[in-house]
Amino acid sequence: GVPALSRTDNETLICPECGTAQAL
């Protein structure tokens, strides 16, 4: 599926679950 953009560096594509964890 569609990856999430990491909030850590705004460049790295990460899995949706890790993206949600960072958002939380």
mmCIF file of all heavy atoms, coordinates in Angstrom:
data_MODEL
# 
_entry.id   MODEL 
# 
loop_
_atom_site.group_PDB 
_atom_site.id 
_atom_site.type_symbol 
_atom_site.label_atom_id 
_atom_site.label_alt_id 
_atom_site.label_comp_id 
_atom_site.label_asym_id 
_atom_site.label_entity_id 
_atom_site.label_seq_id 
_atom_site.pdbx_PDB_ins_code 
_atom_site.Cartn_x 
_atom_site.Cartn_y 
_atom_site.Cartn_z 
_atom_site.occupancy 
_atom_site.B_iso_or_equiv 
_atom_site.pdbx_formal_charge 
_atom_site.auth_seq_id 
_atom_site.auth_comp_id 
_atom_site.auth_asym_id 
_atom_site.auth_atom_id 
_atom_site.pdbx_PDB_model_num 
ATOM 1   N N   . GLY A 1 1  ? 0.809  -1.213 0.000  1.00 0.00 ? 1  GLY A N   1 
ATOM 2   C CA  . GLY A 1 1  ? 0.000  0.000  0.000  1.00 0.00 ? 1  GLY A CA  1 
ATOM 3   C C   . GLY A 1 1  ? 0.839  1.259  0.000  1.00 0.00 ? 1  GLY A C   1 
ATOM 4   O O   . GLY A 1 1  ? 2.045  1.238  -0.256 1.00 0.00 ? 1  GLY A O   1 
ATOM 5   N N   . VAL A 1 2  ? 0.182  2.346  0.311  1.00 0.00 ? 2  VAL A N   1 
ATOM 6   C CA  . VAL A 1 2  ? 0.807  3.661  0.281  1.00 0.00 ? 2  VAL A CA  1 
ATOM 7   C C   . VAL A 1 2  ? 1.639  3.871  1.546  1.00 0.00 ? 2  VAL A C   1 
ATOM 8   O O   . VAL A 1 2  ? 1.139  3.694  2.652  1.00 0.00 ? 2  VAL A O   1 
ATOM 9   C CB  . VAL A 1 2  ? -0.276 4.757  0.180  1.00 0.00 ? 2  VAL A CB  1 
ATOM 10  C CG1 . VAL A 1 2  ? 0.352  6.135  0.169  1.00 0.00 ? 2  VAL A CG1 1 
ATOM 11  C CG2 . VAL A 1 2  ? -1.127 4.543  -1.065 1.00 0.00 ? 2  VAL A CG2 1 
ATOM 12  N N   . PRO A 1 3  ? 2.903  4.245  1.402  1.00 0.00 ? 3  PRO A N   1 
ATOM 13  C CA  . PRO A 1 3  ? 3.730  4.482  2.579  1.00 0.00 ? 3  PRO A CA  1 
ATOM 14  C C   . PRO A 1 3  ? 3.385  5.812  3.245  1.00 0.00 ? 3  PRO A C   1 
ATOM 15  O O   . PRO A 1 3  ? 2.725  6.670  2.655  1.00 0.00 ? 3  PRO A O   1 
ATOM 16  C CB  . PRO A 1 3  ? 5.156  4.525  2.011  1.00 0.00 ? 3  PRO A CB  1 
ATOM 17  C CG  . PRO A 1 3  ? 4.989  4.928  0.597  1.00 0.00 ? 3  PRO A CG  1 
ATOM 18  C CD  . PRO A 1 3  ? 3.652  4.400  0.157  1.00 0.00 ? 3  PRO A CD  1 
ATOM 19  N N   . ALA A 1 4  ? 3.852  5.963  4.468  1.00 0.00 ? 4  ALA A N   1 
ATOM 20  C CA  . ALA A 1 4  ? 3.728  7.225  5.193  1.00 0.00 ? 4  ALA A CA  1 
ATOM 21  C C   . ALA A 1 4  ? 5.067  7.945  5.100  1.00 0.00 ? 4  ALA A C   1 
ATOM 22  O O   . ALA A 1 4  ? 6.108  7.321  4.881  1.00 0.00 ? 4  ALA A O   1 
ATOM 23  C CB  . ALA A 1 4  ? 3.372  6.951  6.646  1.00 0.00 ? 4  ALA A CB  1 
ATOM 24  N N   . LEU A 1 5  ? 5.040  9.247  5.290  1.00 0.00 ? 5  LEU A N   1 
ATOM 25  C CA  . LEU A 1 5  ? 6.260  10.041 5.313  1.00 0.00 ? 5  LEU A CA  1 
ATOM 26  C C   . LEU A 1 5  ? 6.672  10.226 6.766  1.00 0.00 ? 5  LEU A C   1 
ATOM 27  O O   . LEU A 1 5  ? 5.887  10.706 7.590  1.00 0.00 ? 5  LEU A O   1 
ATOM 28  C CB  . LEU A 1 5  ? 6.019  11.398 4.655  1.00 0.00 ? 5  LEU A CB  1 
ATOM 29  C CG  . LEU A 1 5  ? 7.220  12.305 4.466  1.00 0.00 ? 5  LEU A CG  1 
ATOM 30  C CD1 . LEU A 1 5  ? 8.241  11.649 3.533  1.00 0.00 ? 5  LEU A CD1 1 
ATOM 31  C CD2 . LEU A 1 5  ? 6.776  13.641 3.899  1.00 0.00 ? 5  LEU A CD2 1 
ATOM 32  N N   . SER A 1 6  ? 7.879  9.829  7.096  1.00 0.00 ? 6  SER A N   1 
ATOM 33  C CA  . SER A 1 6  ? 8.344  9.921  8.479  1.00 0.00 ? 6  SER A CA  1 
ATOM 34  C C   . SER A 1 6  ? 8.339  11.364 8.960  1.00 0.00 ? 6  SER A C   1 
ATOM 35  O O   . SER A 1 6  ? 8.786  12.270 8.262  1.00 0.00 ? 6  SER A O   1 
ATOM 36  C CB  . SER A 1 6  ? 9.764  9.355  8.601  1.00 0.00 ? 6  SER A CB  1 
ATOM 37  O OG  . SER A 1 6  ? 10.251 9.567  9.908  1.00 0.00 ? 6  SER A OG  1 
ATOM 38  N N   . ARG A 1 7  ? 7.836  11.565 10.170 1.00 0.00 ? 7  ARG A N   1 
ATOM 39  C CA  . ARG A 1 7  ? 7.842  12.896 10.773 1.00 0.00 ? 7  ARG A CA  1 
ATOM 40  C C   . ARG A 1 7  ? 9.224  13.262 11.309 1.00 0.00 ? 7  ARG A C   1 
ATOM 41  O O   . ARG A 1 7  ? 9.469  14.413 11.629 1.00 0.00 ? 7  ARG A O   1 
ATOM 42  C CB  . ARG A 1 7  ? 6.814  12.940 11.914 1.00 0.00 ? 7  ARG A CB  1 
ATOM 43  C CG  . ARG A 1 7  ? 5.401  12.851 11.410 1.00 0.00 ? 7  ARG A CG  1 
ATOM 44  C CD  . ARG A 1 7  ? 4.420  12.657 12.561 1.00 0.00 ? 7  ARG A CD  1 
ATOM 45  N NE  . ARG A 1 7  ? 3.075  12.625 12.050 1.00 0.00 ? 7  ARG A NE  1 
ATOM 46  C CZ  . ARG A 1 7  ? 2.175  13.570 12.265 1.00 0.00 ? 7  ARG A CZ  1 
ATOM 47  N NH1 . ARG A 1 7  ? 2.457  14.595 13.017 1.00 0.00 ? 7  ARG A NH1 1 
ATOM 48  N NH2 . ARG A 1 7  ? 0.965  13.466 11.761 1.00 0.00 ? 7  ARG A NH2 1 
ATOM 49  N N   . THR A 1 8  ? 10.103 12.280 11.385 1.00 0.00 ? 8  THR A N   1 
ATOM 50  C CA  . THR A 1 8  ? 11.443 12.521 11.912 1.00 0.00 ? 8  THR A CA  1 
ATOM 51  C C   . THR A 1 8  ? 12.261 13.408 10.978 1.00 0.00 ? 8  THR A C   1 
ATOM 52  O O   . THR A 1 8  ? 12.905 14.353 11.415 1.00 0.00 ? 8  THR A O   1 
ATOM 53  C CB  . THR A 1 8  ? 12.183 11.188 12.135 1.00 0.00 ? 8  THR A CB  1 
ATOM 54  O OG1 . THR A 1 8  ? 11.391 10.367 12.984 1.00 0.00 ? 8  THR A OG1 1 
ATOM 55  C CG2 . THR A 1 8  ? 13.540 11.403 12.759 1.00 0.00 ? 8  THR A CG2 1 
ATOM 56  N N   . ASP A 1 9  ? 12.226 13.089 9.664  1.00 0.00 ? 9  ASP A N   1 
ATOM 57  C CA  . ASP A 1 9  ? 13.033 13.862 8.714  1.00 0.00 ? 9  ASP A CA  1 
ATOM 58  C C   . ASP A 1 9  ? 12.236 14.403 7.527  1.00 0.00 ? 9  ASP A C   1 
ATOM 59  O O   . ASP A 1 9  ? 12.786 15.084 6.674  1.00 0.00 ? 9  ASP A O   1 
ATOM 60  C CB  . ASP A 1 9  ? 14.214 13.030 8.215  1.00 0.00 ? 9  ASP A CB  1 
ATOM 61  C CG  . ASP A 1 9  ? 13.779 11.789 7.438  1.00 0.00 ? 9  ASP A CG  1 
ATOM 62  O OD1 . ASP A 1 9  ? 12.575 11.620 7.162  1.00 0.00 ? 9  ASP A OD1 1 
ATOM 63  O OD2 . ASP A 1 9  ? 14.661 10.975 7.113  1.00 0.00 ? 9  ASP A OD2 1 
ATOM 64  N N   . ASN A 1 10 ? 10.951 14.084 7.465  1.00 0.00 ? 10 ASN A N   1 
ATOM 65  C CA  . ASN A 1 10 ? 10.091 14.513 6.352  1.00 0.00 ? 10 ASN A CA  1 
ATOM 66  C C   . ASN A 1 10 ? 10.625 14.098 4.987  1.00 0.00 ? 10 ASN A C   1 
ATOM 67  O O   . ASN A 1 10 ? 10.370 14.753 3.983  1.00 0.00 ? 10 ASN A O   1 
ATOM 68  C CB  . ASN A 1 10 ? 9.846  16.024 6.380  1.00 0.00 ? 10 ASN A CB  1 
ATOM 69  C CG  . ASN A 1 10 ? 8.938  16.422 7.501  1.00 0.00 ? 10 ASN A CG  1 
ATOM 70  O OD1 . ASN A 1 10 ? 7.980  15.729 7.826  1.00 0.00 ? 10 ASN A OD1 1 
ATOM 71  N ND2 . ASN A 1 10 ? 9.240  17.545 8.135  1.00 0.00 ? 10 ASN A ND2 1 
ATOM 72  N N   . GLU A 1 11 ? 11.379 12.988 4.944  1.00 0.00 ? 11 GLU A N   1 
ATOM 73  C CA  . GLU A 1 11 ? 11.916 12.474 3.679  1.00 0.00 ? 11 GLU A CA  1 
ATOM 74  C C   . GLU A 1 11 ? 11.748 10.975 3.545  1.00 0.00 ? 11 GLU A C   1 
ATOM 75  O O   . GLU A 1 11 ? 11.531 10.470 2.456  1.00 0.00 ? 11 GLU A O   1 
ATOM 76  C CB  . GLU A 1 11 ? 13.416 12.795 3.570  1.00 0.00 ? 11 GLU A CB  1 
ATOM 77  C CG  . GLU A 1 11 ? 13.743 14.261 3.452  1.00 0.00 ? 11 GLU A CG  1 
ATOM 78  C CD  . GLU A 1 11 ? 15.233 14.517 3.364  1.00 0.00 ? 11 GLU A CD  1 
ATOM 79  O OE1 . GLU A 1 11 ? 16.017 13.549 3.303  1.00 0.00 ? 11 GLU A OE1 1 
ATOM 80  O OE2 . GLU A 1 11 ? 15.621 15.696 3.358  1.00 0.00 ? 11 GLU A OE2 1 
ATOM 81  N N   . THR A 1 12 ? 11.884 10.250 4.652  1.00 0.00 ? 12 THR A N   1 
ATOM 82  C CA  . THR A 1 12 ? 11.908 8.792  4.628  1.00 0.00 ? 12 THR A CA  1 
ATOM 83  C C   . THR A 1 12 ? 10.506 8.221  4.536  1.00 0.00 ? 12 THR A C   1 
ATOM 84  O O   . THR A 1 12 ? 9.618  8.618  5.296  1.00 0.00 ? 12 THR A O   1 
ATOM 85  C CB  . THR A 1 12 ? 12.602 8.257  5.901  1.00 0.00 ? 12 THR A CB  1 
ATOM 86  O OG1 . THR A 1 12 ? 13.899 8.855  5.992  1.00 0.00 ? 12 THR A OG1 1 
ATOM 87  C CG2 . THR A 1 12 ? 12.732 6.755  5.864  1.00 0.00 ? 12 THR A CG2 1 
ATOM 88  N N   . LEU A 1 13 ? 10.322 7.270  3.614  1.00 0.00 ? 13 LEU A N   1 
ATOM 89  C CA  . LEU A 1 13 ? 9.046  6.580  3.503  1.00 0.00 ? 13 LEU A CA  1 
ATOM 90  C C   . LEU A 1 13 ? 9.049  5.397  4.465  1.00 0.00 ? 13 LEU A C   1 
ATOM 91  O O   . LEU A 1 13 ? 10.000 4.611  4.493  1.00 0.00 ? 13 LEU A O   1 
ATOM 92  C CB  . LEU A 1 13 ? 8.823  6.107  2.065  1.00 0.00 ? 13 LEU A CB  1 
ATOM 93  C CG  . LEU A 1 13 ? 8.705  7.223  1.031  1.00 0.00 ? 13 LEU A CG  1 
ATOM 94  C CD1 . LEU A 1 13 ? 8.543  6.636  -0.367 1.00 0.00 ? 13 LEU A CD1 1 
ATOM 95  C CD2 . LEU A 1 13 ? 7.567  8.171  1.357  1.00 0.00 ? 13 LEU A CD2 1 
ATOM 96  N N   . ILE A 1 14 ? 7.985  5.300  5.260  1.00 0.00 ? 14 ILE A N   1 
ATOM 97  C CA  . ILE A 1 14 ? 7.857  4.255  6.273  1.00 0.00 ? 14 ILE A CA  1 
ATOM 98  C C   . ILE A 1 14 ? 6.506  3.580  6.131  1.00 0.00 ? 14 ILE A C   1 
ATOM 99  O O   . ILE A 1 14 ? 5.630  4.071  5.418  1.00 0.00 ? 14 ILE A O   1 
ATOM 100 C CB  . ILE A 1 14 ? 8.038  4.829  7.697  1.00 0.00 ? 14 ILE A CB  1 
ATOM 101 C CG1 . ILE A 1 14 ? 6.985  5.906  7.993  1.00 0.00 ? 14 ILE A CG1 1 
ATOM 102 C CG2 . ILE A 1 14 ? 9.448  5.392  7.870  1.00 0.00 ? 14 ILE A CG2 1 
ATOM 103 C CD1 . ILE A 1 14 ? 7.037  6.470  9.409  1.00 0.00 ? 14 ILE A CD1 1 
ATOM 104 N N   . CYS A 1 15 ? 6.325  2.464  6.815  1.00 0.00 ? 15 CYS A N   1 
ATOM 105 C CA  . CYS A 1 15 ? 5.047  1.756  6.723  1.00 0.00 ? 15 CYS A CA  1 
ATOM 106 C C   . CYS A 1 15 ? 3.944  2.566  7.410  1.00 0.00 ? 15 CYS A C   1 
ATOM 107 O O   . CYS A 1 15 ? 4.221  3.400  8.279  1.00 0.00 ? 15 CYS A O   1 
ATOM 108 C CB  . CYS A 1 15 ? 5.155  0.351  7.334  1.00 0.00 ? 15 CYS A CB  1 
ATOM 109 S SG  . CYS A 1 15 ? 5.259  0.295  9.131  1.00 0.00 ? 15 CYS A SG  1 
ATOM 110 N N   . PRO A 1 16 ? 2.700  2.349  7.016  1.00 0.00 ? 16 PRO A N   1 
ATOM 111 C CA  . PRO A 1 16 ? 1.595  3.092  7.609  1.00 0.00 ? 16 PRO A CA  1 
ATOM 112 C C   . PRO A 1 16 ? 1.507  2.946  9.135  1.00 0.00 ? 16 PRO A C   1 
ATOM 113 O O   . PRO A 1 16 ? 1.186  3.910  9.829  1.00 0.00 ? 16 PRO A O   1 
ATOM 114 C CB  . PRO A 1 16 ? 0.354  2.497  6.926  1.00 0.00 ? 16 PRO A CB  1 
ATOM 115 C CG  . PRO A 1 16 ? 0.866  2.001  5.611  1.00 0.00 ? 16 PRO A CG  1 
ATOM 116 C CD  . PRO A 1 16 ? 2.254  1.496  5.900  1.00 0.00 ? 16 PRO A CD  1 
ATOM 117 N N   . GLU A 1 17 ? 1.819  1.764  9.659  1.00 0.00 ? 17 GLU A N   1 
ATOM 118 C CA  . GLU A 1 17 ? 1.732  1.569  11.108 1.00 0.00 ? 17 GLU A CA  1 
ATOM 119 C C   . GLU A 1 17 ? 2.762  2.428  11.846 1.00 0.00 ? 17 GLU A C   1 
ATOM 120 O O   . GLU A 1 17 ? 2.434  3.073  12.846 1.00 0.00 ? 17 GLU A O   1 
ATOM 121 C CB  . GLU A 1 17 ? 1.920  0.096  11.462 1.00 0.00 ? 17 GLU A CB  1 
ATOM 122 C CG  . GLU A 1 17 ? 1.674  -0.178 12.930 1.00 0.00 ? 17 GLU A CG  1 
ATOM 123 C CD  . GLU A 1 17 ? 1.637  -1.664 13.260 1.00 0.00 ? 17 GLU A CD  1 
ATOM 124 O OE1 . GLU A 1 17 ? 1.528  -2.508 12.359 1.00 0.00 ? 17 GLU A OE1 1 
ATOM 125 O OE2 . GLU A 1 17 ? 1.703  -1.969 14.459 1.00 0.00 ? 17 GLU A OE2 1 
ATOM 126 N N   . CYS A 1 18 ? 3.983  2.476  11.364 1.00 0.00 ? 18 CYS A N   1 
ATOM 127 C CA  . CYS A 1 18 ? 4.996  3.331  11.995 1.00 0.00 ? 18 CYS A CA  1 
ATOM 128 C C   . CYS A 1 18 ? 4.635  4.805  11.818 1.00 0.00 ? 18 CYS A C   1 
ATOM 129 O O   . CYS A 1 18 ? 4.878  5.627  12.709 1.00 0.00 ? 18 CYS A O   1 
ATOM 130 C CB  . CYS A 1 18 ? 6.383  3.040  11.432 1.00 0.00 ? 18 CYS A CB  1 
ATOM 131 S SG  . CYS A 1 18 ? 7.077  1.479  12.026 1.00 0.00 ? 18 CYS A SG  1 
ATOM 132 N N   . GLY A 1 19 ? 4.033  5.153  10.692 1.00 0.00 ? 19 GLY A N   1 
ATOM 133 C CA  . GLY A 1 19 ? 3.581  6.528  10.476 1.00 0.00 ? 19 GLY A CA  1 
ATOM 134 C C   . GLY A 1 19 ? 2.497  6.917  11.468 1.00 0.00 ? 19 GLY A C   1 
ATOM 135 O O   . GLY A 1 19 ? 2.515  8.022  12.026 1.00 0.00 ? 19 GLY A O   1 
ATOM 136 N N   . THR A 1 20 ? 1.565  6.015  11.707 1.00 0.00 ? 20 THR A N   1 
ATOM 137 C CA  . THR A 1 20 ? 0.510  6.275  12.687 1.00 0.00 ? 20 THR A CA  1 
ATOM 138 C C   . THR A 1 20 ? 1.099  6.391  14.086 1.00 0.00 ? 20 THR A C   1 
ATOM 139 O O   . THR A 1 20 ? 0.706  7.273  14.866 1.00 0.00 ? 20 THR A O   1 
ATOM 140 C CB  . THR A 1 20 ? -0.557 5.157  12.644 1.00 0.00 ? 20 THR A CB  1 
ATOM 141 O OG1 . THR A 1 20 ? -1.108 5.095  11.320 1.00 0.00 ? 20 THR A OG1 1 
ATOM 142 C CG2 . THR A 1 20 ? -1.674 5.425  13.638 1.00 0.00 ? 20 THR A CG2 1 
ATOM 143 N N   . ALA A 1 21 ? 2.060  5.527  14.408 1.00 0.00 ? 21 ALA A N   1 
ATOM 144 C CA  . ALA A 1 21 ? 2.701  5.585  15.723 1.00 0.00 ? 21 ALA A CA  1 
ATOM 145 C C   . ALA A 1 21 ? 3.398  6.932  15.927 1.00 0.00 ? 21 ALA A C   1 
ATOM 146 O O   . ALA A 1 21 ? 3.296  7.531  17.001 1.00 0.00 ? 21 ALA A O   1 
ATOM 147 C CB  . ALA A 1 21 ? 3.696  4.435  15.875 1.00 0.00 ? 21 ALA A CB  1 
ATOM 148 N N   . GLN A 1 22 ? 4.083  7.431  14.888 1.00 0.00 ? 22 GLN A N   1 
ATOM 149 C CA  . GLN A 1 22 ? 4.738  8.731  14.998 1.00 0.00 ? 22 GLN A CA  1 
ATOM 150 C C   . GLN A 1 22 ? 3.711  9.848  15.178 1.00 0.00 ? 22 GLN A C   1 
ATOM 151 O O   . GLN A 1 22 ? 3.924  10.774 15.971 1.00 0.00 ? 22 GLN A O   1 
ATOM 152 C CB  . GLN A 1 22 ? 5.600  9.007  13.773 1.00 0.00 ? 22 GLN A CB  1 
ATOM 153 C CG  . GLN A 1 22 ? 6.875  8.220  13.723 1.00 0.00 ? 22 GLN A CG  1 
ATOM 154 C CD  . GLN A 1 22 ? 7.758  8.600  12.546 1.00 0.00 ? 22 GLN A CD  1 
ATOM 155 O OE1 . GLN A 1 22 ? 7.417  9.429  11.694 1.00 0.00 ? 22 GLN A OE1 1 
ATOM 156 N NE2 . GLN A 1 22 ? 8.936  7.984  12.488 1.00 0.00 ? 22 GLN A NE2 1 
ATOM 157 N N   . ALA A 1 23 ? 2.591  9.763  14.468 1.00 0.00 ? 23 ALA A N   1 
ATOM 158 C CA  . ALA A 1 23 ? 1.542  10.777 14.597 1.00 0.00 ? 23 ALA A CA  1 
ATOM 159 C C   . ALA A 1 23 ? 0.948  10.772 16.004 1.00 0.00 ? 23 ALA A C   1 
ATOM 160 O O   . ALA A 1 23 ? 0.701  11.828 16.588 1.00 0.00 ? 23 ALA A O   1 
ATOM 161 C CB  . ALA A 1 23 ? 0.448  10.536 13.550 1.00 0.00 ? 23 ALA A CB  1 
ATOM 162 N N   . LEU A 1 24 ? 0.720  9.579  16.541 1.00 0.00 ? 24 LEU A N   1 
ATOM 163 C CA  . LEU A 1 24 ? 0.188  9.482  17.896 1.00 0.00 ? 24 LEU A CA  1 
ATOM 164 C C   . LEU A 1 24 ? 1.179  10.031 18.920 1.00 0.00 ? 24 LEU A C   1 
ATOM 165 O O   . LEU A 1 24 ? 0.781  10.717 19.874 1.00 0.00 ? 24 LEU A O   1 
ATOM 166 C CB  . LEU A 1 24 ? -0.181 8.034  18.228 1.00 0.00 ? 24 LEU A CB  1 
ATOM 167 C CG  . LEU A 1 24 ? -1.410 7.494  17.499 1.00 0.00 ? 24 LEU A CG  1 
ATOM 168 C CD1 . LEU A 1 24 ? -1.499 5.981  17.666 1.00 0.00 ? 24 LEU A CD1 1 
ATOM 169 C CD2 . LEU A 1 24 ? -2.668 8.175  17.992 1.00 0.00 ? 24 LEU A CD2 1 
# 
